[in-house]
Amino acid sequence: QIKNKMRAYFYDNKDYDPREPHEQVPLTPVTPEELRNLGVLYWHLDGDDNLAQLDKIAKDRKYKNRDELTCSKEGLGDLYEKKLKIFFEEHLHEDEEIRYIIDGSGYFDVRDLLDRWIRIAVTKGDLIVLPAGIYHRFTLDTNDYLKVIRLFKEEPKWTPINRPADDNKYRLAYLQSLRDSGLYK
C-alpha cells in the first residue's frame, strides 16, 4: 500500500550541525504538490509487499540497476566524514537520483524556484526521486545511520557536479522543463 507520509519544510539556514532538523519557526511546511512542481517525486511504501511495490515503480520508470549502501560510521569506515561532506556539498547530477530507504533516516535538501532550501526528511519506506539538474544535498540526521537502495536507469554511477553549474546542459534542461510547465520564467 503506497501512502504519503512525507515531511518537508523550509530550512532555517542557521549555522549549526546540518544533521539537526533546521526547522524554521514558525514551521513552514512544503506540500507534495509543491515538490512535484519542482520535479521531486515521493512515495512511502508500506506493508509486506514494499519490495514488490519498489520493483513495480522501478519497472514503470525504467530503472534497470540497483545497489545498496549503508551510510554510517561502520558502513563507510574511514571515509565516513569525507563522504558526509561530499554528500552535503550543494550539487546536481546529470541523471535522476533515486533512493529507497531500507532503514534509518536522513535529509535531502533541494532548492526551490526562489533558491531557498527545502528540507525533506526521509525514513524507512520512503522512496524519493530527484530530477537531473536540480541543486540538492544530503545528510544523515543525528542517528548517523541510513541504509538505502540506490536505483539507476543505466549503469550505477554517482557523479556530483558542484554548484555553480548553471551552464550545465542538464541544469538548463531542468530549468527549461520548469518553464515549459509554466512554473519558472
N, C-alpha and C. Protein backbone atom coordinates (compact mmCIF):
# COMPACT_ATOMS: atom_id res chain seq x y z
N GLN A 1 0.85 -1.18 0.00
CA GLN A 1 0.00 0.00 0.00
C GLN A 1 0.89 1.24 0.00
N ILE A 2 0.71 2.12 -0.98
CA ILE A 2 1.51 3.32 -1.09
C ILE A 2 0.80 4.44 -0.34
N LYS A 3 1.53 5.06 0.58
CA LYS A 3 0.97 6.12 1.40
C LYS A 3 1.80 7.39 1.23
N ASN A 4 1.28 8.49 1.72
CA ASN A 4 2.03 9.74 1.73
C ASN A 4 2.31 10.12 3.17
N LYS A 5 3.55 9.99 3.58
CA LYS A 5 3.96 10.34 4.94
C LYS A 5 5.02 11.43 4.92
N MET A 6 5.22 12.04 3.76
CA MET A 6 6.33 12.97 3.58
C MET A 6 6.28 14.13 4.56
N ARG A 7 7.47 14.52 5.02
CA ARG A 7 7.62 15.69 5.88
C ARG A 7 8.66 16.59 5.23
N ALA A 8 8.20 17.70 4.68
CA ALA A 8 9.10 18.65 4.01
C ALA A 8 8.77 20.05 4.49
N TYR A 9 9.80 20.89 4.58
CA TYR A 9 9.62 22.24 5.11
C TYR A 9 10.82 23.09 4.69
N PHE A 10 10.70 24.41 4.87
CA PHE A 10 11.81 25.30 4.54
C PHE A 10 12.88 25.22 5.63
N TYR A 11 14.11 25.12 5.19
CA TYR A 11 15.30 25.01 6.03
C TYR A 11 15.61 26.37 6.64
N ASP A 12 16.06 26.40 7.89
CA ASP A 12 16.26 27.67 8.59
C ASP A 12 17.57 28.40 8.26
N ASN A 13 18.49 27.76 7.56
CA ASN A 13 19.76 28.38 7.15
C ASN A 13 20.66 28.84 8.30
N LYS A 14 20.42 28.36 9.50
CA LYS A 14 21.29 28.72 10.62
C LYS A 14 22.53 27.82 10.61
N ASP A 15 23.62 28.36 11.11
CA ASP A 15 24.91 27.69 11.04
C ASP A 15 25.15 26.82 12.27
N TYR A 16 24.58 25.63 12.25
CA TYR A 16 24.88 24.63 13.26
C TYR A 16 24.77 23.27 12.60
N ASP A 17 24.99 22.23 13.33
CA ASP A 17 25.06 20.86 12.80
C ASP A 17 23.98 20.60 11.75
N PRO A 18 24.36 20.31 10.49
CA PRO A 18 23.37 20.06 9.44
C PRO A 18 22.52 18.82 9.69
N ARG A 19 22.95 17.95 10.62
CA ARG A 19 22.18 16.74 10.93
C ARG A 19 20.98 17.02 11.82
N GLU A 20 20.91 18.24 12.35
CA GLU A 20 19.73 18.66 13.13
C GLU A 20 18.59 19.00 12.17
N PRO A 21 17.34 19.06 12.65
CA PRO A 21 16.20 19.29 11.75
C PRO A 21 16.21 20.63 11.00
N HIS A 22 16.74 21.69 11.58
CA HIS A 22 16.77 23.01 10.93
C HIS A 22 15.37 23.48 10.52
N GLU A 23 14.44 23.40 11.43
CA GLU A 23 13.07 23.85 11.17
C GLU A 23 12.95 25.34 11.44
N GLN A 24 12.38 26.07 10.49
CA GLN A 24 12.09 27.48 10.72
C GLN A 24 10.99 27.60 11.76
N VAL A 25 11.02 28.70 12.51
CA VAL A 25 9.95 28.97 13.47
C VAL A 25 9.27 30.26 13.01
N PRO A 26 7.98 30.26 12.73
CA PRO A 26 7.12 29.07 12.72
C PRO A 26 7.45 28.16 11.54
N LEU A 27 7.15 26.89 11.71
CA LEU A 27 7.42 25.89 10.68
C LEU A 27 6.62 26.20 9.43
N THR A 28 7.30 26.17 8.29
CA THR A 28 6.64 26.41 7.00
C THR A 28 6.68 25.11 6.20
N PRO A 29 5.60 24.31 6.25
CA PRO A 29 5.61 23.04 5.53
C PRO A 29 5.57 23.25 4.02
N VAL A 30 6.09 22.26 3.30
CA VAL A 30 6.05 22.23 1.85
C VAL A 30 5.23 20.99 1.47
N THR A 31 4.28 21.14 0.57
CA THR A 31 3.38 20.05 0.21
C THR A 31 4.01 19.14 -0.85
N PRO A 32 3.51 17.91 -0.95
CA PRO A 32 3.97 17.03 -2.02
C PRO A 32 3.75 17.66 -3.41
N GLU A 33 2.66 18.39 -3.57
CA GLU A 33 2.39 19.04 -4.86
C GLU A 33 3.46 20.09 -5.18
N GLU A 34 3.86 20.86 -4.18
CA GLU A 34 4.92 21.85 -4.40
C GLU A 34 6.22 21.17 -4.81
N LEU A 35 6.52 20.03 -4.22
CA LEU A 35 7.73 19.29 -4.61
C LEU A 35 7.58 18.70 -6.00
N ARG A 36 6.40 18.17 -6.33
CA ARG A 36 6.17 17.65 -7.69
C ARG A 36 6.38 18.75 -8.72
N ASN A 37 5.98 19.98 -8.39
CA ASN A 37 6.18 21.10 -9.31
C ASN A 37 7.67 21.35 -9.58
N LEU A 38 8.53 20.96 -8.65
CA LEU A 38 9.97 21.07 -8.83
C LEU A 38 10.56 19.82 -9.48
N GLY A 39 9.71 18.82 -9.74
CA GLY A 39 10.17 17.57 -10.33
C GLY A 39 10.55 16.51 -9.33
N VAL A 40 10.38 16.79 -8.03
CA VAL A 40 10.72 15.84 -6.97
C VAL A 40 9.52 14.91 -6.75
N LEU A 41 9.77 13.62 -6.83
CA LEU A 41 8.71 12.62 -6.63
C LEU A 41 8.95 11.89 -5.32
N TYR A 42 7.86 11.50 -4.67
CA TYR A 42 7.95 10.85 -3.36
C TYR A 42 6.85 9.81 -3.23
N TRP A 43 7.24 8.66 -2.68
CA TRP A 43 6.29 7.63 -2.29
C TRP A 43 6.70 7.12 -0.92
N HIS A 44 5.73 6.66 -0.15
CA HIS A 44 6.05 5.90 1.04
C HIS A 44 5.48 4.51 0.83
N LEU A 45 6.35 3.51 0.81
CA LEU A 45 5.94 2.12 0.57
C LEU A 45 5.83 1.45 1.92
N ASP A 46 4.66 0.91 2.18
CA ASP A 46 4.37 0.38 3.50
C ASP A 46 3.74 -1.00 3.37
N GLY A 47 4.11 -1.88 4.25
CA GLY A 47 3.48 -3.19 4.28
C GLY A 47 4.45 -4.30 3.90
N ASP A 48 3.89 -5.50 3.78
CA ASP A 48 4.70 -6.68 3.50
C ASP A 48 5.20 -6.73 2.07
N ASP A 49 4.56 -5.98 1.17
CA ASP A 49 4.92 -6.06 -0.25
C ASP A 49 5.69 -4.83 -0.73
N ASN A 50 6.39 -4.14 0.20
CA ASN A 50 7.06 -2.90 -0.20
C ASN A 50 8.12 -3.12 -1.28
N LEU A 51 8.84 -4.25 -1.26
CA LEU A 51 9.83 -4.50 -2.31
C LEU A 51 9.15 -4.80 -3.64
N ALA A 52 7.98 -5.43 -3.62
CA ALA A 52 7.22 -5.63 -4.86
C ALA A 52 6.74 -4.29 -5.40
N GLN A 53 6.33 -3.39 -4.50
CA GLN A 53 5.94 -2.04 -4.93
C GLN A 53 7.13 -1.31 -5.54
N LEU A 54 8.29 -1.44 -4.90
CA LEU A 54 9.51 -0.81 -5.42
C LEU A 54 9.84 -1.37 -6.80
N ASP A 55 9.74 -2.68 -6.96
CA ASP A 55 10.02 -3.30 -8.26
C ASP A 55 9.08 -2.79 -9.34
N LYS A 56 7.81 -2.60 -9.00
CA LYS A 56 6.84 -2.09 -9.99
C LYS A 56 7.18 -0.66 -10.39
N ILE A 57 7.47 0.19 -9.42
CA ILE A 57 7.85 1.58 -9.73
C ILE A 57 9.12 1.59 -10.57
N ALA A 58 10.10 0.75 -10.20
CA ALA A 58 11.35 0.68 -10.95
C ALA A 58 11.09 0.25 -12.40
N LYS A 59 10.22 -0.73 -12.58
CA LYS A 59 9.90 -1.19 -13.94
C LYS A 59 9.18 -0.09 -14.71
N ASP A 60 8.18 0.53 -14.09
CA ASP A 60 7.40 1.59 -14.76
C ASP A 60 8.29 2.77 -15.16
N ARG A 61 9.29 3.09 -14.35
CA ARG A 61 10.16 4.25 -14.61
C ARG A 61 11.47 3.85 -15.30
N LYS A 62 11.58 2.57 -15.67
CA LYS A 62 12.72 2.06 -16.43
C LYS A 62 14.05 2.17 -15.67
N TYR A 63 14.00 1.88 -14.37
CA TYR A 63 15.22 1.78 -13.58
C TYR A 63 15.73 0.36 -13.71
N LYS A 64 16.87 0.19 -14.34
CA LYS A 64 17.38 -1.14 -14.68
C LYS A 64 18.31 -1.72 -13.63
N ASN A 65 19.01 -0.87 -12.90
CA ASN A 65 20.05 -1.34 -11.99
C ASN A 65 19.83 -0.79 -10.59
N ARG A 66 20.44 -1.47 -9.63
CA ARG A 66 20.36 -1.01 -8.24
C ARG A 66 21.53 -1.55 -7.44
N ASP A 67 21.79 -0.87 -6.34
CA ASP A 67 22.76 -1.37 -5.37
C ASP A 67 22.29 -0.92 -3.99
N GLU A 68 23.02 -1.36 -2.97
CA GLU A 68 22.71 -0.97 -1.59
C GLU A 68 23.89 -0.25 -0.99
N LEU A 69 23.60 0.73 -0.14
CA LEU A 69 24.64 1.48 0.55
C LEU A 69 24.21 1.66 2.00
N THR A 70 25.13 1.40 2.92
CA THR A 70 24.90 1.71 4.32
C THR A 70 25.75 2.93 4.65
N CYS A 71 25.06 4.01 4.96
CA CYS A 71 25.72 5.27 5.28
C CYS A 71 25.74 5.39 6.81
N SER A 72 26.90 5.04 7.37
CA SER A 72 27.10 5.09 8.82
C SER A 72 28.60 5.05 9.07
N LYS A 73 29.00 5.28 10.30
CA LYS A 73 30.43 5.21 10.64
C LYS A 73 30.96 3.80 10.38
N GLU A 74 30.16 2.79 10.71
CA GLU A 74 30.57 1.41 10.48
C GLU A 74 30.57 1.07 8.99
N GLY A 75 29.53 1.51 8.28
CA GLY A 75 29.39 1.17 6.86
C GLY A 75 30.41 1.84 5.96
N LEU A 76 30.80 3.07 6.29
CA LEU A 76 31.74 3.82 5.44
C LEU A 76 33.17 3.83 5.99
N GLY A 77 33.32 3.41 7.23
CA GLY A 77 34.65 3.33 7.83
C GLY A 77 35.38 4.66 7.84
N ASP A 78 36.64 4.64 7.43
CA ASP A 78 37.49 5.83 7.45
C ASP A 78 36.99 6.92 6.50
N LEU A 79 36.14 6.57 5.56
CA LEU A 79 35.63 7.56 4.59
C LEU A 79 34.39 8.30 5.10
N TYR A 80 33.90 7.94 6.28
CA TYR A 80 32.64 8.49 6.79
C TYR A 80 32.58 10.02 6.75
N GLU A 81 33.50 10.69 7.42
CA GLU A 81 33.48 12.16 7.49
C GLU A 81 33.62 12.77 6.11
N LYS A 82 34.53 12.25 5.32
CA LYS A 82 34.76 12.77 3.96
C LYS A 82 33.50 12.62 3.10
N LYS A 83 32.87 11.45 3.13
CA LYS A 83 31.66 11.20 2.33
C LYS A 83 30.52 12.12 2.76
N LEU A 84 30.32 12.30 4.07
CA LEU A 84 29.25 13.18 4.52
C LEU A 84 29.45 14.61 4.02
N LYS A 85 30.70 15.08 4.02
CA LYS A 85 30.98 16.42 3.50
C LYS A 85 30.67 16.50 2.01
N ILE A 86 31.02 15.47 1.26
CA ILE A 86 30.74 15.44 -0.18
C ILE A 86 29.23 15.42 -0.42
N PHE A 87 28.51 14.59 0.32
CA PHE A 87 27.06 14.49 0.16
C PHE A 87 26.36 15.82 0.47
N PHE A 88 26.90 16.58 1.44
CA PHE A 88 26.25 17.82 1.87
C PHE A 88 26.68 19.03 1.04
N GLU A 89 27.66 18.89 0.19
CA GLU A 89 28.04 19.97 -0.71
C GLU A 89 26.94 20.13 -1.77
N GLU A 90 26.50 21.35 -1.99
CA GLU A 90 25.43 21.58 -2.97
C GLU A 90 25.90 21.17 -4.36
N HIS A 91 25.08 20.32 -5.02
CA HIS A 91 25.47 19.77 -6.31
C HIS A 91 24.24 19.39 -7.13
N LEU A 92 24.48 18.94 -8.34
CA LEU A 92 23.44 18.36 -9.18
C LEU A 92 24.02 17.10 -9.81
N HIS A 93 23.13 16.33 -10.44
CA HIS A 93 23.55 15.13 -11.18
C HIS A 93 22.99 15.24 -12.59
N GLU A 94 23.61 14.51 -13.50
CA GLU A 94 23.17 14.51 -14.89
C GLU A 94 22.16 13.40 -15.16
N ASP A 95 21.72 12.72 -14.12
CA ASP A 95 20.62 11.77 -14.22
C ASP A 95 19.84 11.82 -12.91
N GLU A 96 18.68 11.20 -12.89
CA GLU A 96 17.86 11.22 -11.69
C GLU A 96 18.60 10.57 -10.53
N GLU A 97 18.32 11.07 -9.33
CA GLU A 97 18.82 10.42 -8.12
C GLU A 97 17.61 9.74 -7.48
N ILE A 98 17.67 8.41 -7.39
CA ILE A 98 16.54 7.62 -6.90
C ILE A 98 17.01 6.83 -5.68
N ARG A 99 16.34 7.05 -4.56
CA ARG A 99 16.74 6.38 -3.32
C ARG A 99 15.53 5.81 -2.60
N TYR A 100 15.65 4.54 -2.20
CA TYR A 100 14.63 3.89 -1.38
C TYR A 100 15.26 3.60 -0.02
N ILE A 101 14.64 4.11 1.03
CA ILE A 101 15.20 3.97 2.38
C ILE A 101 14.77 2.64 2.98
N ILE A 102 15.75 1.77 3.20
CA ILE A 102 15.50 0.45 3.81
C ILE A 102 15.40 0.59 5.32
N ASP A 103 16.27 1.44 5.87
CA ASP A 103 16.32 1.59 7.32
C ASP A 103 17.04 2.90 7.64
N GLY A 104 16.77 3.45 8.82
CA GLY A 104 17.42 4.67 9.25
C GLY A 104 16.70 5.92 8.78
N SER A 105 17.43 7.05 8.80
CA SER A 105 16.79 8.33 8.48
C SER A 105 17.84 9.36 8.10
N GLY A 106 17.38 10.37 7.38
CA GLY A 106 18.27 11.44 6.96
C GLY A 106 17.47 12.55 6.30
N TYR A 107 18.18 13.44 5.60
CA TYR A 107 17.55 14.60 4.96
C TYR A 107 18.10 14.82 3.56
N PHE A 108 17.19 15.04 2.63
CA PHE A 108 17.54 15.58 1.32
C PHE A 108 17.08 17.03 1.32
N ASP A 109 17.96 17.93 0.92
CA ASP A 109 17.61 19.34 0.76
C ASP A 109 17.63 19.65 -0.72
N VAL A 110 16.60 20.34 -1.22
CA VAL A 110 16.53 20.75 -2.62
C VAL A 110 16.26 22.25 -2.68
N ARG A 111 16.68 22.88 -3.75
CA ARG A 111 16.44 24.31 -3.96
C ARG A 111 15.09 24.50 -4.64
N ASP A 112 14.32 25.49 -4.17
CA ASP A 112 13.08 25.83 -4.84
C ASP A 112 13.35 26.90 -5.90
N LEU A 113 12.30 27.44 -6.52
CA LEU A 113 12.46 28.39 -7.61
C LEU A 113 12.97 29.75 -7.14
N LEU A 114 12.89 30.01 -5.83
CA LEU A 114 13.42 31.25 -5.26
C LEU A 114 14.79 31.02 -4.62
N ASP A 115 15.37 29.86 -4.88
CA ASP A 115 16.70 29.48 -4.39
C ASP A 115 16.73 29.26 -2.88
N ARG A 116 15.59 28.93 -2.28
CA ARG A 116 15.52 28.59 -0.85
C ARG A 116 15.68 27.08 -0.70
N TRP A 117 16.25 26.69 0.42
CA TRP A 117 16.36 25.25 0.70
C TRP A 117 15.06 24.71 1.25
N ILE A 118 14.64 23.59 0.70
CA ILE A 118 13.53 22.80 1.24
C ILE A 118 14.15 21.52 1.79
N ARG A 119 13.87 21.22 3.05
CA ARG A 119 14.37 20.00 3.68
C ARG A 119 13.30 18.93 3.62
N ILE A 120 13.69 17.74 3.14
CA ILE A 120 12.80 16.59 3.05
C ILE A 120 13.35 15.51 3.97
N ALA A 121 12.61 15.21 5.03
CA ALA A 121 13.02 14.16 5.95
C ALA A 121 12.65 12.81 5.35
N VAL A 122 13.60 11.87 5.33
CA VAL A 122 13.33 10.54 4.80
C VAL A 122 13.57 9.51 5.89
N THR A 123 12.70 8.51 5.91
CA THR A 123 12.78 7.42 6.88
C THR A 123 12.45 6.11 6.17
N LYS A 124 12.53 5.02 6.91
CA LYS A 124 12.27 3.69 6.37
C LYS A 124 10.97 3.67 5.57
N GLY A 125 11.05 3.15 4.35
CA GLY A 125 9.87 3.03 3.49
C GLY A 125 9.73 4.17 2.48
N ASP A 126 10.51 5.23 2.63
CA ASP A 126 10.41 6.37 1.70
C ASP A 126 11.19 6.09 0.42
N LEU A 127 10.61 6.50 -0.68
CA LEU A 127 11.25 6.46 -1.99
C LEU A 127 11.20 7.87 -2.54
N ILE A 128 12.37 8.42 -2.90
CA ILE A 128 12.44 9.78 -3.39
C ILE A 128 13.18 9.78 -4.72
N VAL A 129 12.69 10.60 -5.64
CA VAL A 129 13.32 10.78 -6.94
C VAL A 129 13.60 12.27 -7.12
N LEU A 130 14.87 12.61 -7.30
CA LEU A 130 15.26 13.98 -7.59
C LEU A 130 15.60 14.07 -9.07
N PRO A 131 15.05 15.05 -9.77
CA PRO A 131 15.30 15.13 -11.21
C PRO A 131 16.74 15.52 -11.53
N ALA A 132 17.22 15.11 -12.68
CA ALA A 132 18.52 15.56 -13.16
C ALA A 132 18.51 17.08 -13.22
N GLY A 133 19.58 17.70 -12.78
CA GLY A 133 19.72 19.15 -12.90
C GLY A 133 19.26 19.96 -11.71
N ILE A 134 18.61 19.34 -10.72
CA ILE A 134 18.15 20.10 -9.56
C ILE A 134 19.32 20.21 -8.56
N TYR A 135 19.51 21.40 -8.01
CA TYR A 135 20.51 21.56 -6.95
C TYR A 135 19.98 20.93 -5.68
N HIS A 136 20.83 20.12 -5.04
CA HIS A 136 20.42 19.42 -3.83
C HIS A 136 21.65 19.04 -3.02
N ARG A 137 21.38 18.45 -1.85
CA ARG A 137 22.41 17.91 -0.98
C ARG A 137 21.74 16.89 -0.06
N PHE A 138 22.56 16.11 0.64
CA PHE A 138 22.05 15.07 1.54
C PHE A 138 22.88 15.06 2.81
N THR A 139 22.22 14.75 3.91
CA THR A 139 22.93 14.47 5.16
C THR A 139 22.14 13.45 5.97
N LEU A 140 22.86 12.73 6.79
CA LEU A 140 22.20 11.91 7.80
C LEU A 140 21.60 12.83 8.84
N ASP A 141 20.69 12.30 9.66
CA ASP A 141 20.25 13.06 10.83
C ASP A 141 21.13 12.64 12.01
N THR A 142 20.77 13.01 13.21
CA THR A 142 21.62 12.74 14.38
C THR A 142 21.71 11.26 14.74
N ASN A 143 20.90 10.40 14.11
CA ASN A 143 21.03 8.96 14.33
C ASN A 143 22.25 8.38 13.61
N ASP A 144 22.80 9.14 12.65
CA ASP A 144 24.01 8.73 11.92
C ASP A 144 23.90 7.36 11.26
N TYR A 145 22.74 7.05 10.72
CA TYR A 145 22.57 5.74 10.08
C TYR A 145 21.48 5.80 9.02
N LEU A 146 21.79 5.30 7.84
CA LEU A 146 20.81 5.17 6.76
C LEU A 146 21.25 4.01 5.88
N LYS A 147 20.34 3.11 5.61
CA LYS A 147 20.58 2.03 4.65
C LYS A 147 19.62 2.25 3.50
N VAL A 148 20.16 2.27 2.29
CA VAL A 148 19.39 2.71 1.14
C VAL A 148 19.64 1.80 -0.07
N ILE A 149 18.59 1.65 -0.87
CA ILE A 149 18.75 1.06 -2.21
C ILE A 149 18.83 2.23 -3.17
N ARG A 150 19.90 2.26 -3.95
CA ARG A 150 20.05 3.29 -4.98
C ARG A 150 19.64 2.64 -6.30
N LEU A 151 18.76 3.31 -7.02
CA LEU A 151 18.30 2.81 -8.31
C LEU A 151 18.88 3.68 -9.42
N PHE A 152 19.10 3.06 -10.59
CA PHE A 152 19.71 3.74 -11.71
C PHE A 152 19.01 3.33 -13.01
N LYS A 153 18.90 4.26 -13.93
CA LYS A 153 18.34 3.93 -15.25
C LYS A 153 19.33 3.12 -16.07
N GLU A 154 20.60 3.41 -15.91
CA GLU A 154 21.65 2.69 -16.65
C GLU A 154 22.64 2.10 -15.64
N GLU A 155 23.91 2.05 -16.01
CA GLU A 155 24.93 1.54 -15.10
C GLU A 155 25.04 2.44 -13.87
N PRO A 156 25.22 1.86 -12.69
CA PRO A 156 25.33 2.69 -11.48
C PRO A 156 26.47 3.70 -11.58
N LYS A 157 26.13 4.95 -11.30
CA LYS A 157 27.14 5.99 -11.21
C LYS A 157 26.61 7.07 -10.29
N TRP A 158 27.51 7.77 -9.69
CA TRP A 158 27.14 8.86 -8.79
C TRP A 158 28.20 9.92 -8.95
N THR A 159 27.95 10.83 -9.88
CA THR A 159 28.92 11.88 -10.14
C THR A 159 28.29 13.23 -9.78
N PRO A 160 28.71 13.82 -8.65
CA PRO A 160 28.17 15.13 -8.29
C PRO A 160 28.87 16.23 -9.10
N ILE A 161 28.10 17.22 -9.50
CA ILE A 161 28.64 18.40 -10.16
C ILE A 161 28.29 19.56 -9.24
N ASN A 162 29.31 20.07 -8.55
CA ASN A 162 29.08 21.08 -7.53
C ASN A 162 28.65 22.41 -8.14
N ARG A 163 27.83 23.12 -7.36
CA ARG A 163 27.39 24.45 -7.75
C ARG A 163 28.56 25.41 -7.65
N PRO A 164 28.74 26.33 -8.57
CA PRO A 164 27.84 26.70 -9.65
C PRO A 164 28.01 25.78 -10.88
N ALA A 165 26.88 25.40 -11.44
CA ALA A 165 26.86 24.60 -12.66
C ALA A 165 25.69 25.08 -13.53
N ASP A 166 25.45 26.38 -13.50
CA ASP A 166 24.28 26.93 -14.18
C ASP A 166 24.31 26.77 -15.69
N ASP A 167 25.50 26.52 -16.26
CA ASP A 167 25.59 26.33 -17.71
C ASP A 167 25.62 24.85 -18.09
N ASN A 168 25.49 23.96 -17.11
CA ASN A 168 25.44 22.52 -17.38
C ASN A 168 24.18 22.20 -18.18
N LYS A 169 24.31 21.38 -19.23
CA LYS A 169 23.15 21.12 -20.11
C LYS A 169 21.99 20.45 -19.37
N TYR A 170 22.27 19.67 -18.34
CA TYR A 170 21.19 19.03 -17.57
C TYR A 170 20.50 20.05 -16.66
N ARG A 171 21.28 20.99 -16.14
CA ARG A 171 20.68 22.09 -15.36
C ARG A 171 19.79 22.93 -16.26
N LEU A 172 20.28 23.26 -17.45
CA LEU A 172 19.50 24.06 -18.40
C LEU A 172 18.23 23.32 -18.82
N ALA A 173 18.34 22.01 -19.05
CA ALA A 173 17.16 21.22 -19.43
C ALA A 173 16.15 21.18 -18.29
N TYR A 174 16.65 21.05 -17.05
CA TYR A 174 15.76 21.06 -15.89
C TYR A 174 15.00 22.39 -15.81
N LEU A 175 15.70 23.49 -15.93
CA LEU A 175 15.05 24.81 -15.88
C LEU A 175 14.07 24.98 -17.04
N GLN A 176 14.42 24.46 -18.21
CA GLN A 176 13.51 24.55 -19.35
C GLN A 176 12.24 23.74 -19.09
N SER A 177 12.36 22.59 -18.44
CA SER A 177 11.17 21.79 -18.12
C SER A 177 10.25 22.55 -17.17
N LEU A 178 10.83 23.32 -16.25
CA LEU A 178 10.02 24.14 -15.34
C LEU A 178 9.36 25.29 -16.10
N ARG A 179 10.08 25.87 -17.06
CA ARG A 179 9.50 26.93 -17.90
C ARG A 179 8.33 26.37 -18.72
N ASP A 180 8.54 25.19 -19.30
CA ASP A 180 7.51 24.56 -20.12
C ASP A 180 6.25 24.27 -19.32
N SER A 181 6.43 24.00 -18.03
CA SER A 181 5.27 23.72 -17.17
C SER A 181 4.60 25.01 -16.70
N GLY A 182 5.23 26.15 -17.00
CA GLY A 182 4.67 27.44 -16.62
C GLY A 182 5.02 27.88 -15.21
N LEU A 183 5.92 27.13 -14.54
CA LEU A 183 6.26 27.44 -13.15
C LEU A 183 7.45 28.37 -13.00
N TYR A 184 8.24 28.50 -14.05
CA TYR A 184 9.51 29.24 -13.95
C TYR A 184 9.63 30.12 -15.18
N LYS A 185 10.08 31.33 -15.00
CA LYS A 185 10.24 32.23 -16.14
C LYS A 185 11.69 32.49 -16.45
